[in-house]
Amino acid sequence: EKVPDIDIKDLRDASIIQTEKRILASLTSDKNLIQAIQALDDAHTSLNLLSERLCTWQVHITGEPRSTIDHLLSKDYLPFPISILKDNYLQLQVLIENLSEYIDEEAPKIFPEMVKILDAQLTVRLVSFAGSLAKLARLPSSTIQLLGAEKALFRHMSDGSLPPKHGVLYQHPSVKGTHNKKKGKVTRSLASKVAIASKIDFYRGKNE
C-alpha cells in the first residue's frame, strides 16, 4: 500500500503547534514569580551601582566631600548628566516597590504553606534557587538547607575549606538571630519544615 505523501508545510505547522503547547505548559505560576524575584534582585544590584556612581561623580564634579545617596536625592538641582542618573535611580526605586508588592501579593496564592514559614520573597527566592516548585518538592531537607550556598560548597569540595551550614535560608530571622554555634541546627529544622511545606504546596496545586 502506498504511503500518502506528507506535506512539509503541514508537518511544520504541526511542529509549531506542539512546540507552542510545550512552551505554554512550562509557563507555570511559580516560574513567573521566579522571573519576578530575579528582576527584583537585578533592580537592587542596579540601584546599588547607580548609588555608588552618583556619589562618586558628585565628588569629581563639585570637589565637595562625599555625600550620602539620600542627601543627593534631596537636592533640588544636580548638574547634568548626574541629574539623569538621579532620575533613573528614582525610577528603579519605583520598580523595586512595584515588584516587591507583586511578589508579596502573588506568592501566598501559589506557595501558601511555605509563605507561612518563611515570607513571600524568601519563599520565591528559595524556589528560584531550586529551579521550580516541582524540583524543590522533590529535594531532601539537607539539600534545601544549602540552596544558595553553591559557591561555598564548591570551595569546600575544591580546597577543603569548611562546608557551608546554610544557604539562602540564612536570611530567615530565626537563623540570623541565633548564635553562630546554633545556626546549623536551626537551619536544619527550618529546612525540614520547608521540605514538608513545599510538597503540600506542590501537590495542592496538582489537585486543583
N, C-alpha and C. Protein backbone atom coordinates (compact mmCIF):
# COMPACT_ATOMS: atom_id res chain seq x y z
N GLU A 1 0.85 -1.20 0.00
CA GLU A 1 0.00 0.00 0.00
C GLU A 1 0.88 1.24 0.00
N LYS A 2 0.55 2.17 -0.84
CA LYS A 2 1.35 3.38 -0.95
C LYS A 2 1.12 4.30 0.24
N VAL A 3 2.22 4.74 0.82
CA VAL A 3 2.13 5.67 1.94
C VAL A 3 1.87 7.06 1.39
N PRO A 4 0.82 7.74 1.90
CA PRO A 4 0.50 9.07 1.36
C PRO A 4 1.63 10.06 1.63
N ASP A 5 1.83 10.93 0.64
CA ASP A 5 2.86 11.95 0.81
C ASP A 5 2.48 12.91 1.94
N ILE A 6 3.49 13.33 2.71
CA ILE A 6 3.26 14.27 3.81
C ILE A 6 3.66 15.67 3.36
N ASP A 7 2.73 16.56 3.45
CA ASP A 7 3.00 17.94 3.06
C ASP A 7 3.96 18.56 4.09
N ILE A 8 5.08 19.09 3.63
CA ILE A 8 6.08 19.68 4.52
C ILE A 8 5.50 20.84 5.32
N LYS A 9 4.66 21.64 4.69
CA LYS A 9 4.05 22.78 5.37
C LYS A 9 3.17 22.31 6.52
N ASP A 10 2.38 21.23 6.28
CA ASP A 10 1.52 20.70 7.34
C ASP A 10 2.36 20.16 8.50
N LEU A 11 3.47 19.50 8.16
CA LEU A 11 4.35 18.96 9.18
C LEU A 11 4.95 20.09 10.01
N ARG A 12 5.35 21.15 9.32
CA ARG A 12 5.93 22.31 10.01
C ARG A 12 4.89 22.95 10.93
N ASP A 13 3.67 23.12 10.43
CA ASP A 13 2.61 23.73 11.25
C ASP A 13 2.30 22.89 12.48
N ALA A 14 2.28 21.57 12.29
CA ALA A 14 2.01 20.68 13.42
C ALA A 14 3.12 20.78 14.47
N SER A 15 4.37 20.88 13.99
CA SER A 15 5.51 21.00 14.91
C SER A 15 5.44 22.31 15.70
N ILE A 16 5.04 23.37 15.04
CA ILE A 16 4.92 24.67 15.71
C ILE A 16 3.84 24.61 16.79
N ILE A 17 2.72 23.97 16.48
CA ILE A 17 1.63 23.85 17.45
C ILE A 17 2.08 23.08 18.68
N GLN A 18 2.79 21.98 18.47
CA GLN A 18 3.27 21.17 19.59
C GLN A 18 4.29 21.95 20.42
N THR A 19 5.14 22.69 19.76
CA THR A 19 6.14 23.49 20.48
C THR A 19 5.48 24.57 21.32
N GLU A 20 4.46 25.22 20.75
CA GLU A 20 3.74 26.26 21.48
C GLU A 20 3.05 25.68 22.72
N LYS A 21 2.50 24.47 22.58
CA LYS A 21 1.85 23.82 23.70
C LYS A 21 2.85 23.52 24.82
N ARG A 22 4.04 23.05 24.43
CA ARG A 22 5.06 22.74 25.43
C ARG A 22 5.53 24.01 26.14
N ILE A 23 5.66 25.10 25.38
CA ILE A 23 6.09 26.37 25.97
C ILE A 23 5.04 26.87 26.96
N LEU A 24 3.76 26.81 26.56
CA LEU A 24 2.70 27.25 27.45
C LEU A 24 2.63 26.40 28.71
N ALA A 25 2.87 25.11 28.55
CA ALA A 25 2.84 24.21 29.71
C ALA A 25 3.97 24.52 30.68
N SER A 26 5.07 25.03 30.16
CA SER A 26 6.22 25.33 31.01
C SER A 26 6.08 26.66 31.74
N LEU A 27 5.15 27.52 31.27
CA LEU A 27 4.98 28.84 31.88
C LEU A 27 4.06 28.76 33.09
N THR A 28 4.53 28.09 34.13
CA THR A 28 3.74 27.92 35.33
C THR A 28 3.86 29.15 36.22
N SER A 29 2.95 29.26 37.18
CA SER A 29 2.91 30.43 38.06
C SER A 29 4.18 30.57 38.88
N ASP A 30 4.76 29.44 39.30
CA ASP A 30 5.98 29.54 40.10
C ASP A 30 7.13 30.12 39.28
N LYS A 31 7.21 29.76 38.01
CA LYS A 31 8.29 30.29 37.17
C LYS A 31 8.07 31.76 36.85
N ASN A 32 6.82 32.18 36.82
CA ASN A 32 6.52 33.60 36.65
C ASN A 32 7.07 34.39 37.83
N LEU A 33 6.89 33.89 39.03
CA LEU A 33 7.40 34.56 40.23
C LEU A 33 8.92 34.46 40.32
N ILE A 34 9.49 33.39 39.80
CA ILE A 34 10.95 33.28 39.76
C ILE A 34 11.52 34.43 38.92
N GLN A 35 10.89 34.71 37.79
CA GLN A 35 11.34 35.82 36.96
C GLN A 35 11.19 37.14 37.71
N ALA A 36 10.12 37.26 38.49
CA ALA A 36 9.88 38.50 39.25
C ALA A 36 10.95 38.70 40.32
N ILE A 37 11.32 37.64 41.04
CA ILE A 37 12.33 37.80 42.10
C ILE A 37 13.70 38.06 41.50
N GLN A 38 13.98 37.46 40.35
CA GLN A 38 15.26 37.71 39.69
C GLN A 38 15.32 39.14 39.15
N ALA A 39 14.19 39.64 38.65
CA ALA A 39 14.13 41.03 38.21
C ALA A 39 14.31 41.97 39.40
N LEU A 40 13.74 41.59 40.54
CA LEU A 40 13.89 42.39 41.76
C LEU A 40 15.35 42.44 42.20
N ASP A 41 16.02 41.31 42.17
CA ASP A 41 17.44 41.26 42.53
C ASP A 41 18.28 42.09 41.56
N ASP A 42 17.95 42.01 40.27
CA ASP A 42 18.66 42.82 39.27
C ASP A 42 18.47 44.31 39.55
N ALA A 43 17.25 44.67 39.92
CA ALA A 43 16.96 46.08 40.20
C ALA A 43 17.73 46.57 41.42
N HIS A 44 17.82 45.72 42.45
CA HIS A 44 18.60 46.09 43.64
C HIS A 44 20.08 46.27 43.29
N THR A 45 20.60 45.37 42.47
CA THR A 45 22.00 45.47 42.05
C THR A 45 22.24 46.77 41.28
N SER A 46 21.34 47.07 40.36
CA SER A 46 21.46 48.29 39.57
C SER A 46 21.34 49.53 40.45
N LEU A 47 20.47 49.46 41.45
CA LEU A 47 20.29 50.58 42.36
C LEU A 47 21.58 50.85 43.14
N ASN A 48 22.21 49.79 43.61
CA ASN A 48 23.47 49.94 44.36
C ASN A 48 24.58 50.52 43.47
N LEU A 49 24.64 50.05 42.22
CA LEU A 49 25.65 50.56 41.29
C LEU A 49 25.42 52.04 40.99
N LEU A 50 24.16 52.41 40.78
CA LEU A 50 23.84 53.80 40.50
C LEU A 50 24.13 54.69 41.70
N SER A 51 23.85 54.17 42.88
CA SER A 51 24.13 54.93 44.11
C SER A 51 25.61 55.24 44.22
N GLU A 52 26.45 54.24 43.99
CA GLU A 52 27.89 54.42 44.06
C GLU A 52 28.36 55.41 42.99
N ARG A 53 27.83 55.29 41.78
CA ARG A 53 28.23 56.18 40.70
C ARG A 53 27.81 57.62 40.97
N LEU A 54 26.60 57.80 41.48
CA LEU A 54 26.12 59.14 41.78
C LEU A 54 27.01 59.84 42.81
N CYS A 55 27.31 59.13 43.88
CA CYS A 55 28.11 59.72 44.96
C CYS A 55 29.53 60.03 44.48
N THR A 56 30.11 59.12 43.72
CA THR A 56 31.48 59.32 43.23
C THR A 56 31.54 60.46 42.21
N TRP A 57 30.59 60.50 41.30
CA TRP A 57 30.56 61.53 40.26
C TRP A 57 30.38 62.92 40.85
N GLN A 58 29.52 63.01 41.86
CA GLN A 58 29.28 64.29 42.50
C GLN A 58 30.57 64.86 43.10
N VAL A 59 31.39 64.01 43.70
CA VAL A 59 32.66 64.44 44.27
C VAL A 59 33.58 64.98 43.18
N HIS A 60 33.66 64.28 42.07
CA HIS A 60 34.57 64.67 40.98
C HIS A 60 34.13 65.97 40.31
N ILE A 61 32.83 66.20 40.23
CA ILE A 61 32.36 67.40 39.55
C ILE A 61 32.44 68.64 40.45
N THR A 62 32.05 68.47 41.72
CA THR A 62 31.95 69.63 42.61
C THR A 62 33.16 69.82 43.51
N GLY A 63 33.92 68.74 43.77
CA GLY A 63 35.03 68.82 44.72
C GLY A 63 34.57 68.84 46.16
N GLU A 64 33.27 68.66 46.36
CA GLU A 64 32.73 68.63 47.72
C GLU A 64 33.02 67.28 48.37
N PRO A 65 32.95 67.22 49.71
CA PRO A 65 33.10 65.92 50.39
C PRO A 65 32.02 64.94 49.92
N ARG A 66 32.34 63.67 49.99
CA ARG A 66 31.40 62.64 49.53
C ARG A 66 30.09 62.71 50.32
N SER A 67 28.99 62.74 49.61
CA SER A 67 27.67 62.79 50.23
C SER A 67 27.02 61.42 50.24
N THR A 68 26.02 61.26 51.07
CA THR A 68 25.22 60.04 51.04
C THR A 68 24.24 60.13 49.89
N ILE A 69 23.74 59.01 49.45
CA ILE A 69 22.79 59.00 48.34
C ILE A 69 21.51 59.75 48.73
N ASP A 70 21.07 59.62 49.98
CA ASP A 70 19.85 60.31 50.41
C ASP A 70 20.03 61.83 50.32
N HIS A 71 21.24 62.30 50.66
CA HIS A 71 21.49 63.74 50.59
C HIS A 71 21.45 64.22 49.14
N LEU A 72 22.01 63.45 48.23
CA LEU A 72 21.99 63.83 46.82
C LEU A 72 20.57 63.83 46.26
N LEU A 73 19.78 62.85 46.66
CA LEU A 73 18.41 62.76 46.16
C LEU A 73 17.55 63.91 46.68
N SER A 74 17.92 64.47 47.82
CA SER A 74 17.14 65.56 48.42
C SER A 74 17.41 66.91 47.74
N LYS A 75 18.48 66.98 46.96
CA LYS A 75 18.83 68.23 46.28
C LYS A 75 17.83 68.53 45.17
N ASP A 76 17.43 69.78 45.08
CA ASP A 76 16.51 70.19 44.01
C ASP A 76 17.22 70.24 42.66
N TYR A 77 18.52 70.48 42.70
CA TYR A 77 19.26 70.59 41.43
C TYR A 77 20.54 69.78 41.49
N LEU A 78 20.78 69.01 40.45
CA LEU A 78 22.04 68.32 40.25
C LEU A 78 22.49 68.61 38.83
N PRO A 79 23.79 68.84 38.62
CA PRO A 79 24.28 69.17 37.27
C PRO A 79 24.09 68.01 36.31
N PHE A 80 23.89 68.35 35.06
CA PHE A 80 23.80 67.35 34.00
C PHE A 80 25.21 66.77 33.77
N PRO A 81 25.36 65.44 33.56
CA PRO A 81 24.32 64.42 33.41
C PRO A 81 24.02 63.65 34.69
N ILE A 82 24.52 64.15 35.84
CA ILE A 82 24.20 63.46 37.10
C ILE A 82 22.69 63.43 37.33
N SER A 83 22.01 64.46 36.87
CA SER A 83 20.56 64.53 37.05
C SER A 83 19.86 63.36 36.37
N ILE A 84 20.43 62.89 35.25
CA ILE A 84 19.84 61.74 34.56
C ILE A 84 19.96 60.48 35.43
N LEU A 85 21.12 60.31 36.07
CA LEU A 85 21.30 59.16 36.95
C LEU A 85 20.32 59.21 38.11
N LYS A 86 20.10 60.42 38.63
CA LYS A 86 19.14 60.57 39.72
C LYS A 86 17.75 60.13 39.28
N ASP A 87 17.33 60.55 38.07
CA ASP A 87 16.01 60.16 37.56
C ASP A 87 15.91 58.64 37.43
N ASN A 88 16.97 58.01 36.93
CA ASN A 88 16.96 56.56 36.79
C ASN A 88 16.94 55.87 38.15
N TYR A 89 17.64 56.44 39.10
CA TYR A 89 17.65 55.89 40.46
C TYR A 89 16.23 55.90 41.04
N LEU A 90 15.54 57.02 40.87
CA LEU A 90 14.17 57.13 41.39
C LEU A 90 13.23 56.16 40.68
N GLN A 91 13.43 55.98 39.38
CA GLN A 91 12.61 55.02 38.64
C GLN A 91 12.85 53.59 39.12
N LEU A 92 14.11 53.29 39.43
CA LEU A 92 14.42 51.95 39.95
C LEU A 92 13.78 51.73 41.31
N GLN A 93 13.72 52.75 42.13
CA GLN A 93 13.06 52.64 43.42
C GLN A 93 11.58 52.28 43.25
N VAL A 94 10.94 52.91 42.28
CA VAL A 94 9.54 52.61 41.99
C VAL A 94 9.39 51.18 41.49
N LEU A 95 10.30 50.76 40.61
CA LEU A 95 10.28 49.39 40.09
C LEU A 95 10.42 48.38 41.22
N ILE A 96 11.35 48.62 42.13
CA ILE A 96 11.57 47.72 43.26
C ILE A 96 10.32 47.64 44.13
N GLU A 97 9.70 48.78 44.37
CA GLU A 97 8.48 48.81 45.17
C GLU A 97 7.36 48.01 44.51
N ASN A 98 7.20 48.20 43.20
CA ASN A 98 6.13 47.50 42.47
C ASN A 98 6.37 46.00 42.40
N LEU A 99 7.61 45.59 42.14
CA LEU A 99 7.93 44.16 42.09
C LEU A 99 7.75 43.52 43.46
N SER A 100 8.16 44.21 44.50
CA SER A 100 8.02 43.68 45.86
C SER A 100 6.55 43.47 46.21
N GLU A 101 5.73 44.46 45.87
CA GLU A 101 4.30 44.35 46.14
C GLU A 101 3.68 43.19 45.36
N TYR A 102 4.10 43.04 44.11
CA TYR A 102 3.58 41.96 43.27
C TYR A 102 3.92 40.60 43.87
N ILE A 103 5.16 40.42 44.27
CA ILE A 103 5.60 39.14 44.85
C ILE A 103 4.87 38.88 46.17
N ASP A 104 4.76 39.91 47.00
CA ASP A 104 4.09 39.75 48.29
C ASP A 104 2.61 39.38 48.13
N GLU A 105 1.99 39.84 47.05
CA GLU A 105 0.58 39.54 46.81
C GLU A 105 0.38 38.16 46.19
N GLU A 106 1.26 37.79 45.26
CA GLU A 106 1.06 36.56 44.49
C GLU A 106 1.61 35.30 45.15
N ALA A 107 2.73 35.43 45.87
CA ALA A 107 3.37 34.25 46.45
C ALA A 107 2.45 33.45 47.38
N PRO A 108 1.67 34.10 48.26
CA PRO A 108 0.79 33.32 49.14
C PRO A 108 -0.27 32.51 48.39
N LYS A 109 -0.60 32.92 47.16
CA LYS A 109 -1.59 32.17 46.37
C LYS A 109 -1.00 30.88 45.82
N ILE A 110 0.29 30.87 45.59
CA ILE A 110 0.94 29.72 44.95
C ILE A 110 1.70 28.86 45.96
N PHE A 111 2.29 29.50 46.97
CA PHE A 111 3.06 28.78 47.99
C PHE A 111 2.52 29.11 49.39
N PRO A 112 1.24 28.87 49.66
CA PRO A 112 0.66 29.31 50.94
C PRO A 112 1.35 28.73 52.17
N GLU A 113 1.70 27.44 52.12
CA GLU A 113 2.32 26.80 53.29
C GLU A 113 3.75 27.28 53.51
N MET A 114 4.49 27.46 52.44
CA MET A 114 5.87 27.93 52.55
C MET A 114 5.93 29.37 53.04
N VAL A 115 5.01 30.20 52.55
CA VAL A 115 5.00 31.60 52.96
C VAL A 115 4.71 31.73 54.45
N LYS A 116 3.91 30.80 55.00
CA LYS A 116 3.64 30.82 56.44
C LYS A 116 4.92 30.62 57.25
N ILE A 117 5.84 29.84 56.72
CA ILE A 117 7.08 29.52 57.44
C ILE A 117 8.15 30.57 57.17
N LEU A 118 8.29 30.97 55.93
CA LEU A 118 9.32 31.94 55.55
C LEU A 118 8.64 33.30 55.42
N ASP A 119 8.72 33.91 54.29
CA ASP A 119 7.88 35.04 53.91
C ASP A 119 7.78 34.97 52.40
N ALA A 120 7.06 35.90 51.78
CA ALA A 120 6.82 35.79 50.34
C ALA A 120 8.12 35.82 49.53
N GLN A 121 8.97 36.80 49.79
CA GLN A 121 10.16 36.95 48.96
C GLN A 121 11.20 35.87 49.22
N LEU A 122 11.38 35.47 50.46
CA LEU A 122 12.34 34.40 50.74
C LEU A 122 11.84 33.08 50.15
N THR A 123 10.55 32.86 50.19
CA THR A 123 9.98 31.65 49.59
C THR A 123 10.27 31.61 48.09
N VAL A 124 9.97 32.70 47.40
CA VAL A 124 10.19 32.72 45.94
C VAL A 124 11.67 32.61 45.62
N ARG A 125 12.51 33.24 46.43
CA ARG A 125 13.96 33.16 46.19
C ARG A 125 14.45 31.71 46.35
N LEU A 126 13.92 31.00 47.33
CA LEU A 126 14.30 29.60 47.53
C LEU A 126 13.84 28.74 46.35
N VAL A 127 12.62 28.97 45.88
CA VAL A 127 12.11 28.25 44.71
C VAL A 127 12.97 28.57 43.50
N SER A 128 13.41 29.81 43.40
CA SER A 128 14.27 30.21 42.28
C SER A 128 15.58 29.43 42.29
N PHE A 129 16.19 29.27 43.44
CA PHE A 129 17.43 28.51 43.53
C PHE A 129 17.21 27.03 43.17
N ALA A 130 16.04 26.51 43.49
CA ALA A 130 15.73 25.11 43.15
C ALA A 130 15.42 24.96 41.67
N GLY A 131 14.87 26.01 41.05
CA GLY A 131 14.52 25.96 39.64
C GLY A 131 13.03 25.95 39.38
N SER A 132 12.27 25.38 40.30
CA SER A 132 10.81 25.35 40.20
C SER A 132 10.27 24.74 41.49
N LEU A 133 8.96 24.90 41.71
CA LEU A 133 8.34 24.28 42.88
C LEU A 133 8.39 22.76 42.77
N ALA A 134 8.22 22.25 41.56
CA ALA A 134 8.26 20.80 41.35
C ALA A 134 9.61 20.23 41.78
N LYS A 135 10.69 20.91 41.42
CA LYS A 135 12.04 20.44 41.79
C LYS A 135 12.27 20.58 43.29
N LEU A 136 11.82 21.69 43.85
CA LEU A 136 12.01 21.90 45.29
C LEU A 136 11.28 20.83 46.10
N ALA A 137 10.08 20.48 45.66
CA ALA A 137 9.27 19.50 46.39
C ALA A 137 9.90 18.11 46.40
N ARG A 138 10.83 17.87 45.48
CA ARG A 138 11.48 16.56 45.40
C ARG A 138 12.83 16.52 46.12
N LEU A 139 13.27 17.67 46.64
CA LEU A 139 14.57 17.73 47.28
C LEU A 139 14.50 17.32 48.75
N PRO A 140 15.52 16.63 49.24
CA PRO A 140 15.59 16.34 50.68
C PRO A 140 15.90 17.62 51.44
N SER A 141 15.56 17.65 52.71
CA SER A 141 15.76 18.85 53.52
C SER A 141 17.24 19.24 53.60
N SER A 142 18.14 18.25 53.55
CA SER A 142 19.57 18.54 53.62
C SER A 142 20.04 19.36 52.43
N THR A 143 19.42 19.14 51.27
CA THR A 143 19.76 19.93 50.08
C THR A 143 19.10 21.30 50.15
N ILE A 144 17.87 21.34 50.61
CA ILE A 144 17.16 22.63 50.76
C ILE A 144 17.94 23.55 51.69
N GLN A 145 18.52 22.98 52.72
CA GLN A 145 19.30 23.75 53.69
C GLN A 145 20.45 24.51 53.03
N LEU A 146 21.01 23.95 51.95
CA LEU A 146 22.19 24.52 51.32
C LEU A 146 21.90 25.28 50.03
N LEU A 147 20.63 25.36 49.63
CA LEU A 147 20.31 26.10 48.41
C LEU A 147 20.74 27.56 48.55
N GLY A 148 21.50 28.02 47.57
CA GLY A 148 22.03 29.37 47.62
C GLY A 148 23.46 29.42 48.13
N ALA A 149 23.99 28.27 48.57
CA ALA A 149 25.37 28.22 49.07
C ALA A 149 26.27 27.44 48.12
N GLU A 150 25.90 27.41 46.86
CA GLU A 150 26.62 26.60 45.89
C GLU A 150 28.10 26.99 45.78
N LYS A 151 28.38 28.29 45.81
CA LYS A 151 29.77 28.74 45.68
C LYS A 151 30.61 28.27 46.87
N ALA A 152 30.05 28.40 48.06
CA ALA A 152 30.76 27.96 49.26
C ALA A 152 30.95 26.45 49.26
N LEU A 153 29.95 25.73 48.76
CA LEU A 153 30.04 24.27 48.69
C LEU A 153 31.12 23.86 47.69
N PHE A 154 31.20 24.58 46.57
CA PHE A 154 32.23 24.28 45.57
C PHE A 154 33.63 24.53 46.15
N ARG A 155 33.78 25.62 46.92
CA ARG A 155 35.08 25.90 47.54
C ARG A 155 35.46 24.79 48.50
N HIS A 156 34.47 24.32 49.26
CA HIS A 156 34.72 23.23 50.20
C HIS A 156 35.21 21.98 49.47
N MET A 157 34.59 21.68 48.34
CA MET A 157 34.95 20.48 47.58
C MET A 157 36.29 20.64 46.87
N SER A 158 36.66 21.87 46.52
CA SER A 158 37.89 22.07 45.75
C SER A 158 39.11 22.33 46.62
N ASP A 159 38.93 23.04 47.74
CA ASP A 159 40.11 23.37 48.54
C ASP A 159 40.05 22.90 49.99
N GLY A 160 38.97 22.18 50.33
CA GLY A 160 38.89 21.63 51.67
C GLY A 160 38.51 22.62 52.75
N SER A 161 37.99 23.80 52.36
CA SER A 161 37.54 24.77 53.36
C SER A 161 36.31 24.23 54.08
N LEU A 162 35.92 24.89 55.15
CA LEU A 162 34.78 24.42 55.95
C LEU A 162 33.52 24.39 55.08
N PRO A 163 32.72 23.34 55.21
CA PRO A 163 31.49 23.25 54.42
C PRO A 163 30.46 24.25 54.92
N PRO A 164 29.60 24.76 54.04
CA PRO A 164 28.57 25.70 54.47
C PRO A 164 27.50 24.99 55.30
N LYS A 165 26.90 25.73 56.23
CA LYS A 165 25.84 25.16 57.07
C LYS A 165 24.46 25.63 56.62
N HIS A 166 24.42 26.65 55.79
CA HIS A 166 23.15 27.18 55.33
C HIS A 166 23.35 27.99 54.07
N GLY A 167 22.27 28.14 53.31
CA GLY A 167 22.31 28.93 52.10
C GLY A 167 21.43 30.15 52.26
N VAL A 168 20.45 30.29 51.35
CA VAL A 168 19.59 31.47 51.37
C VAL A 168 18.69 31.49 52.61
N LEU A 169 18.49 30.35 53.26
CA LEU A 169 17.69 30.31 54.49
C LEU A 169 18.34 31.11 55.61
N TYR A 170 19.60 31.49 55.43
CA TYR A 170 20.27 32.33 56.41
C TYR A 170 19.53 33.65 56.60
N GLN A 171 18.78 34.07 55.57
CA GLN A 171 18.06 35.34 55.64
C GLN A 171 16.86 35.29 56.58
N HIS A 172 16.45 34.09 56.98
CA HIS A 172 15.28 33.98 57.86
C HIS A 172 15.63 34.49 59.25
N PRO A 173 14.74 35.26 59.88
CA PRO A 173 15.02 35.82 61.20
C PRO A 173 15.42 34.79 62.25
N SER A 174 14.84 33.60 62.19
CA SER A 174 15.16 32.58 63.19
C SER A 174 16.60 32.10 63.09
N VAL A 175 17.19 32.23 61.89
CA VAL A 175 18.59 31.84 61.70
C VAL A 175 19.51 33.02 62.00
N LYS A 176 19.17 34.18 61.45
CA LYS A 176 20.01 35.37 61.65
C LYS A 176 20.11 35.76 63.12
N GLY A 177 19.04 35.53 63.86
CA GLY A 177 19.03 35.93 65.26
C GLY A 177 19.55 34.89 66.22
N THR A 178 20.15 33.82 65.70
CA THR A 178 20.64 32.73 66.53
C THR A 178 22.16 32.79 66.66
N HIS A 179 22.68 32.36 67.78
CA HIS A 179 24.13 32.31 67.99
C HIS A 179 24.78 31.43 66.92
N ASN A 180 25.97 31.80 66.50
CA ASN A 180 26.65 31.10 65.40
C ASN A 180 26.70 29.59 65.59
N LYS A 181 26.95 29.14 66.81
CA LYS A 181 27.08 27.71 67.06
C LYS A 181 25.77 26.96 66.84
N LYS A 182 24.65 27.68 66.90
CA LYS A 182 23.35 27.02 66.78
C LYS A 182 22.69 27.25 65.42
N LYS A 183 23.32 28.05 64.57
CA LYS A 183 22.73 28.38 63.28
C LYS A 183 22.48 27.13 62.42
N GLY A 184 23.45 26.20 62.44
CA GLY A 184 23.31 24.99 61.65
C GLY A 184 22.10 24.18 62.07
N LYS A 185 21.91 24.04 63.38
CA LYS A 185 20.79 23.27 63.91
C LYS A 185 19.46 23.93 63.57
N VAL A 186 19.41 25.25 63.73
CA VAL A 186 18.18 25.99 63.44
C VAL A 186 17.85 25.91 61.95
N THR A 187 18.87 26.01 61.11
CA THR A 187 18.64 25.94 59.66
C THR A 187 18.16 24.55 59.26
N ARG A 188 18.70 23.51 59.87
CA ARG A 188 18.26 22.15 59.56
C ARG A 188 16.78 21.98 59.90
N SER A 189 16.38 22.50 61.04
CA SER A 189 14.99 22.41 61.46
C SER A 189 14.08 23.18 60.50
N LEU A 190 14.54 24.36 60.11
CA LEU A 190 13.76 25.19 59.19
C LEU A 190 13.64 24.51 57.83
N ALA A 191 14.74 23.92 57.35
CA ALA A 191 14.73 23.24 56.06
C ALA A 191 13.79 22.04 56.06
N SER A 192 13.71 21.36 57.19
CA SER A 192 12.79 20.21 57.30
C SER A 192 11.34 20.66 57.17
N LYS A 193 11.01 21.79 57.80
CA LYS A 193 9.65 22.32 57.70
C LYS A 193 9.34 22.77 56.29
N VAL A 194 10.33 23.40 55.65
CA VAL A 194 10.14 23.87 54.28
C VAL A 194 9.96 22.69 53.33
N ALA A 195 10.69 21.60 53.56
CA ALA A 195 10.58 20.42 52.70
C ALA A 195 9.15 19.88 52.71
N ILE A 196 8.55 19.85 53.90
CA ILE A 196 7.17 19.36 54.01
C ILE A 196 6.21 20.35 53.37
N ALA A 197 6.40 21.64 53.65
CA ALA A 197 5.51 22.67 53.12
C ALA A 197 5.56 22.72 51.60
N SER A 198 6.74 22.55 51.02
CA SER A 198 6.86 22.61 49.56
C SER A 198 6.10 21.46 48.90
N LYS A 199 6.11 20.30 49.52
CA LYS A 199 5.37 19.16 48.99
C LYS A 199 3.87 19.42 49.07
N ILE A 200 3.42 20.01 50.18
CA ILE A 200 2.00 20.33 50.33
C ILE A 200 1.57 21.33 49.26
N ASP A 201 2.37 22.36 49.06
CA ASP A 201 2.04 23.38 48.06
C ASP A 201 2.04 22.81 46.64
N PHE A 202 2.98 21.95 46.35
CA PHE A 202 3.08 21.39 45.01
C PHE A 202 1.91 20.47 44.71
N TYR A 203 1.61 19.54 45.61
CA TYR A 203 0.54 18.59 45.34
C TYR A 203 -0.85 19.20 45.51
N ARG A 204 -0.94 20.28 46.29
CA ARG A 204 -2.19 21.01 46.39
C ARG A 204 -2.54 21.58 45.03
N GLY A 205 -1.53 22.15 44.36
CA GLY A 205 -1.74 22.70 43.03
C GLY A 205 -2.16 21.64 42.03
N LYS A 206 -1.64 20.43 42.19
CA LYS A 206 -1.96 19.34 41.25
C LYS A 206 -3.39 18.89 41.40
N ASN A 207 -3.94 19.06 42.62
CA ASN A 207 -5.29 18.55 42.88
C ASN A 207 -6.37 19.58 42.58
N GLU A 208 -5.95 20.81 42.21
CA GLU A 208 -6.94 21.85 41.97
C GLU A 208 -7.48 21.77 40.55
